[in-house]
Structure formats: C-alpha cells, structure tokens
Amino acid sequence: MAMATSASYPPPPPFYRLYKKFEQDPSSAPEPPPPIDEPFKALGVDYTGDVVIPSLESHNVRQLYPKGPNIDFKKELRTLNRELQLHILELADILVERPSQYARRVEDITLIFKNLHHLLNSLRPHQARATLIHMLESQIRHRKEAIEDIKQRREEAQKMLGESLLILDGSQTN
C-alpha cells in the first residue's frame, strides 16, 4: 500500500512582491482599492455600497428625536431611555388603578422602543468601523509579538549554534 504524499505549502500570491520594500519605506505599499460604487453581486445576492437605513416615516412611525444629519446620539438615547422608564412606571400605575386603560401606554412604549431601535441601527456603521479598527490593531499587535518571538528564538538558536561550534572545535583540537 503506497502512502499518499502531500505537497508543501503553495507559493505566496504574486502580489506579495508589491510589499518588498515595506520595512524600509512603509509608503511604498500600494494604495488600497477604491470603494465599490456600483451595485455588485455576491453569493447570488445583489448589493450596493450605500448604507441605507429606512426612515421611521417609511414605516408609518412617528419620530421622537430631531431629524437631520447632526444628531447627538448619546443625548437622544438617554432622553428616550428616561422617557421609556417613565412610561413603564406609568403603565404599572395604570395596571394597578385602571387596568382597562393600559393599551395607550403600551402603544407609547412601543413607539419609544421603535425609536430607540432606529437610533441604535443608525449607529451600526460606526460600530462596524470601530470593530474593524480594533480587529486590525489586534492583528497587528499579535503579528508584531510573533515577529519579536521569532527574532528572539533565532538569536537563541544562533547562540546555541555558536556554543555548539565552539564545543566541537574544542573537542577536535584535543
């Protein structure tokens, strides 16, 4: 029975040559590709590069925070959270004193939750960007640590090799 042989690692992709002088000149690396502007297909699904979050009005939901591009998300989330807490306390009070009138409070709480959810979804692109930055920084840190470990082990191996050569030279002269 013949044993199957496996090939060694495949050669690196040809674009590694673009980074030959990166250690001496970090600006020699090629620029990243431009962002995709037109629609594209991935795994059979059509995508666009635009991040479009549908507005609350398109879902027939009243927006409780100011409209516009310059929204203070932290302030608005805190405001909606306080309002939600107040409405939940009022709902508890109504359920104790007038149980038949709870529907209006539940609608108000639902509206606040929808607004909170929409605000949080508006922060998703920022969260994705921050997560990506964190992951890349972590990868860079791990790779630098690995390089330092390899350099240290190389120095240790060279030292051991030098000591071995001295021992061999000393035993051959005796």
N, C-alpha and C. Protein backbone atom coordinates (compact mmCIF):
# COMPACT_ATOMS: atom_id res chain seq x y z
N MET A 1 0.85 -1.17 0.00
CA MET A 1 0.00 0.00 0.00
C MET A 1 0.90 1.24 0.00
N ALA A 2 0.72 2.08 -0.98
CA ALA A 2 1.55 3.28 -1.10
C ALA A 2 0.95 4.40 -0.26
N MET A 3 1.81 5.15 0.37
CA MET A 3 1.35 6.27 1.18
C MET A 3 1.16 7.48 0.28
N ALA A 4 0.11 8.21 0.57
CA ALA A 4 -0.15 9.42 -0.21
C ALA A 4 0.80 10.53 0.25
N THR A 5 1.30 11.24 -0.71
CA THR A 5 2.16 12.37 -0.36
C THR A 5 1.38 13.65 -0.53
N SER A 6 1.72 14.60 0.28
CA SER A 6 1.05 15.88 0.17
C SER A 6 2.08 16.94 -0.19
N ALA A 7 1.63 17.91 -0.91
CA ALA A 7 2.52 18.99 -1.32
C ALA A 7 2.77 19.91 -0.15
N SER A 8 3.87 20.61 -0.22
CA SER A 8 4.15 21.60 0.81
C SER A 8 3.21 22.78 0.59
N TYR A 9 3.39 23.81 1.39
CA TYR A 9 2.53 24.98 1.26
C TYR A 9 2.63 25.55 -0.15
N PRO A 10 1.54 26.06 -0.68
CA PRO A 10 1.61 26.66 -2.02
C PRO A 10 2.41 27.96 -1.96
N PRO A 11 2.93 28.38 -3.10
CA PRO A 11 3.70 29.63 -3.09
C PRO A 11 2.77 30.81 -2.77
N PRO A 12 3.35 31.90 -2.25
CA PRO A 12 2.51 33.05 -1.94
C PRO A 12 1.94 33.66 -3.21
N PRO A 13 0.83 34.36 -3.09
CA PRO A 13 0.26 35.00 -4.29
C PRO A 13 1.23 36.03 -4.85
N PRO A 14 1.14 36.30 -6.14
CA PRO A 14 2.15 37.17 -6.77
C PRO A 14 2.19 38.60 -6.24
N PHE A 15 1.10 39.07 -5.63
CA PHE A 15 1.12 40.47 -5.19
C PHE A 15 2.00 40.69 -3.96
N TYR A 16 2.60 39.64 -3.38
CA TYR A 16 3.49 39.86 -2.24
C TYR A 16 4.71 40.69 -2.66
N ARG A 17 5.05 40.65 -3.95
CA ARG A 17 6.20 41.41 -4.44
C ARG A 17 5.98 42.92 -4.30
N LEU A 18 4.72 43.33 -4.21
CA LEU A 18 4.42 44.76 -4.08
C LEU A 18 4.87 45.30 -2.72
N TYR A 19 5.13 44.42 -1.77
CA TYR A 19 5.46 44.83 -0.40
C TYR A 19 6.93 44.57 -0.06
N LYS A 20 7.80 44.37 -1.05
CA LYS A 20 9.19 44.02 -0.79
C LYS A 20 9.92 45.05 0.07
N LYS A 21 9.74 46.31 -0.22
CA LYS A 21 10.50 47.36 0.46
C LYS A 21 9.70 48.02 1.57
N PHE A 22 8.65 47.36 2.06
CA PHE A 22 7.75 47.98 3.05
C PHE A 22 8.48 48.28 4.36
N GLU A 23 9.39 47.39 4.78
CA GLU A 23 10.08 47.59 6.05
C GLU A 23 10.98 48.82 6.01
N GLN A 24 11.64 49.06 4.87
CA GLN A 24 12.49 50.24 4.75
C GLN A 24 11.67 51.50 4.47
N ASP A 25 10.61 51.36 3.67
CA ASP A 25 9.80 52.51 3.28
C ASP A 25 8.32 52.13 3.34
N PRO A 26 7.65 52.39 4.48
CA PRO A 26 6.24 51.99 4.60
C PRO A 26 5.33 52.64 3.57
N SER A 27 5.73 53.77 3.00
CA SER A 27 4.88 54.42 2.00
C SER A 27 4.98 53.73 0.64
N SER A 28 5.84 52.71 0.51
CA SER A 28 5.98 52.02 -0.78
C SER A 28 4.87 51.01 -1.03
N ALA A 29 4.04 50.74 -0.04
CA ALA A 29 2.95 49.78 -0.23
C ALA A 29 1.91 50.38 -1.16
N PRO A 30 1.25 49.54 -1.95
CA PRO A 30 0.23 50.08 -2.86
C PRO A 30 -0.98 50.59 -2.10
N GLU A 31 -1.69 51.50 -2.73
CA GLU A 31 -2.91 52.05 -2.14
C GLU A 31 -3.99 50.97 -2.14
N PRO A 32 -4.89 51.03 -1.16
CA PRO A 32 -5.99 50.05 -1.16
C PRO A 32 -6.91 50.32 -2.34
N PRO A 33 -7.65 49.32 -2.76
CA PRO A 33 -8.55 49.55 -3.90
C PRO A 33 -9.65 50.54 -3.54
N PRO A 34 -10.18 51.24 -4.52
CA PRO A 34 -11.24 52.21 -4.22
C PRO A 34 -12.52 51.50 -3.80
N PRO A 35 -13.38 52.17 -3.05
CA PRO A 35 -14.64 51.55 -2.67
C PRO A 35 -15.50 51.28 -3.90
N ILE A 36 -16.33 50.27 -3.79
CA ILE A 36 -17.20 49.90 -4.90
C ILE A 36 -18.40 50.84 -4.90
N ASP A 37 -18.62 51.52 -6.02
CA ASP A 37 -19.72 52.48 -6.11
C ASP A 37 -20.96 51.89 -6.77
N GLU A 38 -20.78 50.99 -7.70
CA GLU A 38 -21.93 50.45 -8.41
C GLU A 38 -22.43 49.18 -7.73
N PRO A 39 -23.65 48.77 -8.04
CA PRO A 39 -24.18 47.53 -7.45
C PRO A 39 -23.31 46.32 -7.83
N PHE A 40 -23.25 45.34 -6.95
CA PHE A 40 -22.48 44.14 -7.23
C PHE A 40 -23.24 42.93 -6.70
N LYS A 41 -22.83 41.76 -7.15
CA LYS A 41 -23.49 40.52 -6.77
C LYS A 41 -22.50 39.68 -5.98
N ALA A 42 -22.92 39.18 -4.83
CA ALA A 42 -22.08 38.30 -4.01
C ALA A 42 -22.95 37.15 -3.52
N LEU A 43 -22.51 35.94 -3.81
CA LEU A 43 -23.23 34.73 -3.42
C LEU A 43 -24.67 34.75 -3.92
N GLY A 44 -24.86 35.30 -5.13
CA GLY A 44 -26.18 35.30 -5.75
C GLY A 44 -27.12 36.39 -5.27
N VAL A 45 -26.64 37.30 -4.42
CA VAL A 45 -27.49 38.37 -3.89
C VAL A 45 -26.94 39.71 -4.39
N ASP A 46 -27.84 40.58 -4.84
CA ASP A 46 -27.43 41.91 -5.30
C ASP A 46 -27.22 42.84 -4.11
N TYR A 47 -26.11 43.59 -4.13
CA TYR A 47 -25.78 44.54 -3.07
C TYR A 47 -25.41 45.87 -3.68
N THR A 48 -25.52 46.91 -2.88
CA THR A 48 -24.98 48.22 -3.25
C THR A 48 -24.05 48.66 -2.14
N GLY A 49 -23.18 49.60 -2.46
CA GLY A 49 -22.24 50.09 -1.45
C GLY A 49 -22.87 51.08 -0.49
N ASP A 50 -24.08 51.51 -0.78
CA ASP A 50 -24.74 52.50 0.06
C ASP A 50 -25.30 51.85 1.32
N VAL A 51 -25.12 52.54 2.43
CA VAL A 51 -25.73 52.11 3.68
C VAL A 51 -27.01 52.92 3.82
N VAL A 52 -28.12 52.27 3.60
CA VAL A 52 -29.40 52.98 3.64
C VAL A 52 -30.24 52.37 4.76
N ILE A 53 -30.54 53.19 5.74
CA ILE A 53 -31.42 52.78 6.82
C ILE A 53 -32.77 53.43 6.55
N PRO A 54 -33.81 52.64 6.38
CA PRO A 54 -35.10 53.26 6.08
C PRO A 54 -35.55 54.17 7.22
N SER A 55 -36.21 55.24 6.85
CA SER A 55 -36.66 56.20 7.86
C SER A 55 -37.84 55.63 8.63
N LEU A 56 -38.09 56.21 9.79
CA LEU A 56 -39.24 55.79 10.58
C LEU A 56 -40.54 56.13 9.87
N GLU A 57 -40.54 57.25 9.14
CA GLU A 57 -41.75 57.65 8.43
C GLU A 57 -42.13 56.63 7.37
N SER A 58 -41.13 55.98 6.75
CA SER A 58 -41.45 54.98 5.73
C SER A 58 -42.17 53.77 6.34
N HIS A 59 -42.05 53.61 7.66
CA HIS A 59 -42.77 52.53 8.37
C HIS A 59 -43.99 53.07 9.12
N ASN A 60 -44.37 54.32 8.81
CA ASN A 60 -45.51 54.96 9.46
C ASN A 60 -45.35 55.02 10.98
N VAL A 61 -44.15 55.37 11.42
CA VAL A 61 -43.85 55.52 12.84
C VAL A 61 -43.42 56.96 13.09
N ARG A 62 -43.95 57.58 14.11
CA ARG A 62 -43.61 58.97 14.44
C ARG A 62 -42.21 59.00 15.06
N GLN A 63 -41.38 59.93 14.57
CA GLN A 63 -40.01 60.07 15.08
C GLN A 63 -40.02 60.99 16.28
N LEU A 64 -39.45 60.52 17.41
CA LEU A 64 -39.47 61.28 18.65
C LEU A 64 -38.22 62.12 18.87
N TYR A 65 -37.23 61.96 18.04
CA TYR A 65 -35.99 62.73 18.19
C TYR A 65 -35.83 63.62 16.96
N PRO A 66 -34.99 64.66 17.03
CA PRO A 66 -34.88 65.61 15.91
C PRO A 66 -34.35 64.94 14.64
N LYS A 67 -34.81 65.47 13.51
CA LYS A 67 -34.34 64.95 12.22
C LYS A 67 -33.09 65.71 11.81
N GLY A 68 -32.32 65.12 10.92
CA GLY A 68 -31.14 65.80 10.41
C GLY A 68 -29.90 64.96 10.60
N PRO A 69 -28.82 65.37 9.94
CA PRO A 69 -27.58 64.58 10.00
C PRO A 69 -26.79 64.77 11.29
N ASN A 70 -27.00 65.86 11.99
CA ASN A 70 -26.19 66.15 13.19
C ASN A 70 -26.97 65.82 14.45
N ILE A 71 -27.21 64.54 14.66
CA ILE A 71 -27.95 64.09 15.84
C ILE A 71 -26.95 63.72 16.93
N ASP A 72 -27.20 64.19 18.13
CA ASP A 72 -26.39 63.79 19.28
C ASP A 72 -26.98 62.48 19.80
N PHE A 73 -26.41 61.36 19.33
CA PHE A 73 -26.97 60.05 19.62
C PHE A 73 -27.02 59.76 21.11
N LYS A 74 -25.95 60.10 21.80
CA LYS A 74 -25.89 59.82 23.23
C LYS A 74 -27.01 60.54 23.98
N LYS A 75 -27.19 61.81 23.67
CA LYS A 75 -28.22 62.60 24.33
C LYS A 75 -29.62 62.06 24.01
N GLU A 76 -29.85 61.76 22.74
CA GLU A 76 -31.17 61.28 22.33
C GLU A 76 -31.47 59.90 22.91
N LEU A 77 -30.47 59.03 22.97
CA LEU A 77 -30.68 57.70 23.57
C LEU A 77 -30.99 57.82 25.06
N ARG A 78 -30.28 58.71 25.74
CA ARG A 78 -30.56 58.92 27.17
C ARG A 78 -31.96 59.47 27.38
N THR A 79 -32.35 60.44 26.54
CA THR A 79 -33.69 61.03 26.65
C THR A 79 -34.77 59.96 26.44
N LEU A 80 -34.61 59.17 25.39
CA LEU A 80 -35.60 58.13 25.11
C LEU A 80 -35.61 57.07 26.21
N ASN A 81 -34.45 56.77 26.77
CA ASN A 81 -34.39 55.79 27.85
C ASN A 81 -35.14 56.30 29.09
N ARG A 82 -34.93 57.58 29.44
CA ARG A 82 -35.66 58.15 30.58
C ARG A 82 -37.16 58.16 30.33
N GLU A 83 -37.53 58.52 29.11
CA GLU A 83 -38.95 58.54 28.76
C GLU A 83 -39.54 57.13 28.83
N LEU A 84 -38.77 56.15 28.40
CA LEU A 84 -39.23 54.76 28.47
C LEU A 84 -39.44 54.33 29.92
N GLN A 85 -38.50 54.68 30.78
CA GLN A 85 -38.63 54.33 32.20
C GLN A 85 -39.87 54.97 32.81
N LEU A 86 -40.11 56.23 32.47
CA LEU A 86 -41.29 56.93 32.97
C LEU A 86 -42.57 56.26 32.48
N HIS A 87 -42.63 55.90 31.21
CA HIS A 87 -43.82 55.26 30.67
C HIS A 87 -44.05 53.88 31.28
N ILE A 88 -42.99 53.17 31.57
CA ILE A 88 -43.15 51.85 32.20
C ILE A 88 -43.70 52.00 33.62
N LEU A 89 -43.20 52.99 34.34
CA LEU A 89 -43.75 53.25 35.69
C LEU A 89 -45.21 53.66 35.61
N GLU A 90 -45.54 54.51 34.65
CA GLU A 90 -46.93 54.91 34.48
C GLU A 90 -47.80 53.71 34.10
N LEU A 91 -47.27 52.80 33.27
CA LEU A 91 -48.02 51.60 32.90
C LEU A 91 -48.29 50.75 34.13
N ALA A 92 -47.30 50.61 35.00
CA ALA A 92 -47.50 49.84 36.23
C ALA A 92 -48.58 50.50 37.09
N ASP A 93 -48.57 51.82 37.18
CA ASP A 93 -49.58 52.54 37.95
C ASP A 93 -50.97 52.34 37.34
N ILE A 94 -51.06 52.44 36.02
CA ILE A 94 -52.35 52.26 35.35
C ILE A 94 -52.86 50.83 35.52
N LEU A 95 -51.98 49.85 35.44
CA LEU A 95 -52.40 48.45 35.61
C LEU A 95 -52.95 48.20 37.00
N VAL A 96 -52.47 48.96 37.99
CA VAL A 96 -52.98 48.80 39.36
C VAL A 96 -54.29 49.53 39.53
N GLU A 97 -54.36 50.78 39.06
CA GLU A 97 -55.54 51.61 39.32
C GLU A 97 -56.65 51.49 38.27
N ARG A 98 -56.28 51.46 36.97
CA ARG A 98 -57.28 51.41 35.90
C ARG A 98 -56.84 50.40 34.85
N PRO A 99 -56.97 49.11 35.11
CA PRO A 99 -56.45 48.07 34.21
C PRO A 99 -57.03 48.13 32.79
N SER A 100 -58.18 48.66 32.61
CA SER A 100 -58.78 48.68 31.28
C SER A 100 -58.17 49.74 30.37
N GLN A 101 -57.34 50.64 30.90
CA GLN A 101 -56.78 51.75 30.12
C GLN A 101 -55.29 51.58 29.82
N TYR A 102 -54.82 50.35 29.77
CA TYR A 102 -53.39 50.11 29.59
C TYR A 102 -52.95 50.22 28.12
N ALA A 103 -53.86 50.07 27.16
CA ALA A 103 -53.49 49.97 25.74
C ALA A 103 -52.73 51.20 25.25
N ARG A 104 -53.15 52.39 25.67
CA ARG A 104 -52.49 53.62 25.22
C ARG A 104 -51.03 53.67 25.68
N ARG A 105 -50.77 53.28 26.93
CA ARG A 105 -49.39 53.27 27.46
C ARG A 105 -48.54 52.25 26.71
N VAL A 106 -49.12 51.10 26.39
CA VAL A 106 -48.37 50.08 25.66
C VAL A 106 -48.01 50.60 24.27
N GLU A 107 -48.91 51.33 23.62
CA GLU A 107 -48.61 51.94 22.31
C GLU A 107 -47.48 52.96 22.44
N ASP A 108 -47.51 53.77 23.49
CA ASP A 108 -46.44 54.76 23.70
C ASP A 108 -45.10 54.07 23.92
N ILE A 109 -45.10 53.01 24.71
CA ILE A 109 -43.86 52.27 24.98
C ILE A 109 -43.35 51.63 23.69
N THR A 110 -44.26 51.11 22.88
CA THR A 110 -43.86 50.52 21.59
C THR A 110 -43.23 51.57 20.69
N LEU A 111 -43.81 52.77 20.65
CA LEU A 111 -43.26 53.86 19.85
C LEU A 111 -41.85 54.23 20.33
N ILE A 112 -41.66 54.30 21.63
CA ILE A 112 -40.33 54.63 22.17
C ILE A 112 -39.33 53.54 21.80
N PHE A 113 -39.73 52.28 21.93
CA PHE A 113 -38.82 51.18 21.56
C PHE A 113 -38.45 51.23 20.08
N LYS A 114 -39.40 51.54 19.22
CA LYS A 114 -39.10 51.63 17.79
C LYS A 114 -38.11 52.76 17.51
N ASN A 115 -38.28 53.88 18.20
CA ASN A 115 -37.35 54.99 18.02
C ASN A 115 -35.96 54.64 18.55
N LEU A 116 -35.90 53.98 19.71
CA LEU A 116 -34.61 53.53 20.25
C LEU A 116 -33.93 52.57 19.27
N HIS A 117 -34.70 51.64 18.76
CA HIS A 117 -34.16 50.65 17.82
C HIS A 117 -33.62 51.33 16.56
N HIS A 118 -34.35 52.32 16.06
CA HIS A 118 -33.90 53.02 14.86
C HIS A 118 -32.62 53.82 15.13
N LEU A 119 -32.54 54.47 16.28
CA LEU A 119 -31.33 55.20 16.63
C LEU A 119 -30.13 54.26 16.73
N LEU A 120 -30.33 53.12 17.38
CA LEU A 120 -29.24 52.15 17.51
C LEU A 120 -28.81 51.60 16.15
N ASN A 121 -29.78 51.35 15.27
CA ASN A 121 -29.42 50.88 13.93
C ASN A 121 -28.66 51.94 13.15
N SER A 122 -28.92 53.21 13.43
CA SER A 122 -28.18 54.29 12.77
C SER A 122 -26.71 54.29 13.19
N LEU A 123 -26.41 53.72 14.34
CA LEU A 123 -25.03 53.66 14.83
C LEU A 123 -24.28 52.42 14.34
N ARG A 124 -24.95 51.51 13.65
CA ARG A 124 -24.30 50.27 13.21
C ARG A 124 -23.08 50.50 12.31
N PRO A 125 -23.14 51.40 11.33
CA PRO A 125 -21.93 51.61 10.51
C PRO A 125 -20.73 52.07 11.35
N HIS A 126 -20.98 52.95 12.31
CA HIS A 126 -19.90 53.41 13.19
C HIS A 126 -19.36 52.23 14.02
N GLN A 127 -20.27 51.40 14.52
CA GLN A 127 -19.86 50.24 15.32
C GLN A 127 -19.03 49.28 14.46
N ALA A 128 -19.46 49.06 13.23
CA ALA A 128 -18.72 48.15 12.34
C ALA A 128 -17.32 48.69 12.07
N ARG A 129 -17.23 49.99 11.82
CA ARG A 129 -15.93 50.61 11.57
C ARG A 129 -15.02 50.49 12.79
N ALA A 130 -15.57 50.77 13.98
CA ALA A 130 -14.77 50.68 15.21
C ALA A 130 -14.33 49.25 15.48
N THR A 131 -15.22 48.29 15.21
CA THR A 131 -14.87 46.89 15.40
C THR A 131 -13.76 46.48 14.46
N LEU A 132 -13.85 46.91 13.21
CA LEU A 132 -12.83 46.58 12.22
C LEU A 132 -11.48 47.18 12.62
N ILE A 133 -11.49 48.43 13.08
CA ILE A 133 -10.24 49.07 13.52
C ILE A 133 -9.64 48.30 14.68
N HIS A 134 -10.48 47.90 15.64
CA HIS A 134 -9.99 47.14 16.79
C HIS A 134 -9.40 45.81 16.35
N MET A 135 -10.09 45.11 15.46
CA MET A 135 -9.58 43.82 14.98
C MET A 135 -8.25 43.97 14.27
N LEU A 136 -8.12 44.99 13.42
CA LEU A 136 -6.87 45.19 12.69
C LEU A 136 -5.73 45.56 13.64
N GLU A 137 -6.01 46.42 14.62
CA GLU A 137 -4.98 46.76 15.60
C GLU A 137 -4.55 45.54 16.39
N SER A 138 -5.51 44.68 16.73
CA SER A 138 -5.20 43.46 17.47
C SER A 138 -4.34 42.53 16.61
N GLN A 139 -4.68 42.39 15.33
CA GLN A 139 -3.88 41.54 14.44
C GLN A 139 -2.47 42.08 14.30
N ILE A 140 -2.35 43.38 14.17
CA ILE A 140 -1.02 43.99 14.04
C ILE A 140 -0.20 43.73 15.31
N ARG A 141 -0.83 43.90 16.46
CA ARG A 141 -0.13 43.67 17.73
C ARG A 141 0.33 42.22 17.84
N HIS A 142 -0.57 41.27 17.49
CA HIS A 142 -0.20 39.84 17.57
C HIS A 142 0.94 39.51 16.59
N ARG A 143 0.88 40.09 15.42
CA ARG A 143 1.93 39.81 14.44
C ARG A 143 3.27 40.39 14.88
N LYS A 144 3.25 41.58 15.46
CA LYS A 144 4.50 42.17 15.96
C LYS A 144 5.06 41.32 17.10
N GLU A 145 4.18 40.83 17.97
CA GLU A 145 4.63 39.95 19.06
C GLU A 145 5.23 38.67 18.49
N ALA A 146 4.59 38.11 17.46
CA ALA A 146 5.11 36.88 16.84
C ALA A 146 6.46 37.14 16.19
N ILE A 147 6.62 38.28 15.54
CA ILE A 147 7.90 38.62 14.92
C ILE A 147 8.99 38.75 15.98
N GLU A 148 8.67 39.42 17.09
CA GLU A 148 9.65 39.57 18.17
C GLU A 148 10.01 38.20 18.75
N ASP A 149 9.02 37.33 18.88
CA ASP A 149 9.28 35.98 19.41
C ASP A 149 10.18 35.21 18.44
N ILE A 150 9.92 35.33 17.15
CA ILE A 150 10.75 34.65 16.16
C ILE A 150 12.17 35.19 16.20
N LYS A 151 12.33 36.52 16.31
CA LYS A 151 13.67 37.11 16.38
C LYS A 151 14.41 36.62 17.62
N GLN A 152 13.70 36.57 18.75
CA GLN A 152 14.34 36.11 19.99
C GLN A 152 14.76 34.65 19.86
N ARG A 153 13.90 33.82 19.32
CA ARG A 153 14.25 32.40 19.16
C ARG A 153 15.39 32.21 18.15
N ARG A 154 15.43 33.06 17.12
CA ARG A 154 16.52 32.99 16.16
C ARG A 154 17.85 33.33 16.85
N GLU A 155 17.83 34.38 17.69
CA GLU A 155 19.04 34.75 18.41
C GLU A 155 19.48 33.63 19.35
N GLU A 156 18.51 33.01 20.03
CA GLU A 156 18.84 31.89 20.92
C GLU A 156 19.43 30.73 20.13
N ALA A 157 18.85 30.44 18.96
CA ALA A 157 19.36 29.35 18.14
C ALA A 157 20.77 29.65 17.63
N GLN A 158 21.01 30.91 17.24
CA GLN A 158 22.34 31.29 16.78
C GLN A 158 23.36 31.19 17.91
N LYS A 159 22.94 31.57 19.11
CA LYS A 159 23.82 31.48 20.27
C LYS A 159 24.15 30.02 20.58
N MET A 160 23.11 29.17 20.56
CA MET A 160 23.34 27.73 20.81
C MET A 160 24.21 27.12 19.73
N LEU A 161 24.00 27.53 18.47
CA LEU A 161 24.81 27.03 17.37
C LEU A 161 26.26 27.46 17.55
N GLY A 162 26.46 28.72 17.95
CA GLY A 162 27.83 29.21 18.19
C GLY A 162 28.50 28.45 19.32
N GLU A 163 27.76 28.19 20.41
CA GLU A 163 28.32 27.43 21.52
C GLU A 163 28.64 26.01 21.09
N SER A 164 27.76 25.41 20.28
CA SER A 164 27.99 24.05 19.79
C SER A 164 29.23 24.00 18.91
N LEU A 165 29.40 25.00 18.06
CA LEU A 165 30.59 25.03 17.20
C LEU A 165 31.85 25.17 18.04
N LEU A 166 31.82 25.98 19.12
CA LEU A 166 32.98 26.11 19.98
C LEU A 166 33.29 24.80 20.68
N ILE A 167 32.27 24.10 21.13
CA ILE A 167 32.46 22.81 21.78
C ILE A 167 33.05 21.81 20.79
N LEU A 168 32.51 21.80 19.55
CA LEU A 168 33.02 20.88 18.53
C LEU A 168 34.46 21.21 18.18
N ASP A 169 34.74 22.51 18.04
CA ASP A 169 36.12 22.91 17.72
C ASP A 169 37.06 22.52 18.86
N GLY A 170 36.59 22.68 20.10
CA GLY A 170 37.41 22.33 21.24
C GLY A 170 37.65 20.83 21.33
N SER A 171 36.67 20.01 20.99
CA SER A 171 36.83 18.55 21.07
C SER A 171 37.67 18.03 19.91
N GLN A 172 37.71 18.73 18.79
CA GLN A 172 38.52 18.26 17.67
C GLN A 172 39.98 18.59 17.87
N THR A 173 40.30 19.65 18.63
CA THR A 173 41.69 20.01 18.84
C THR A 173 42.32 19.12 19.92
N ASN A 174 41.54 18.45 20.74
CA ASN A 174 42.12 17.59 21.80
C ASN A 174 42.56 16.29 21.29
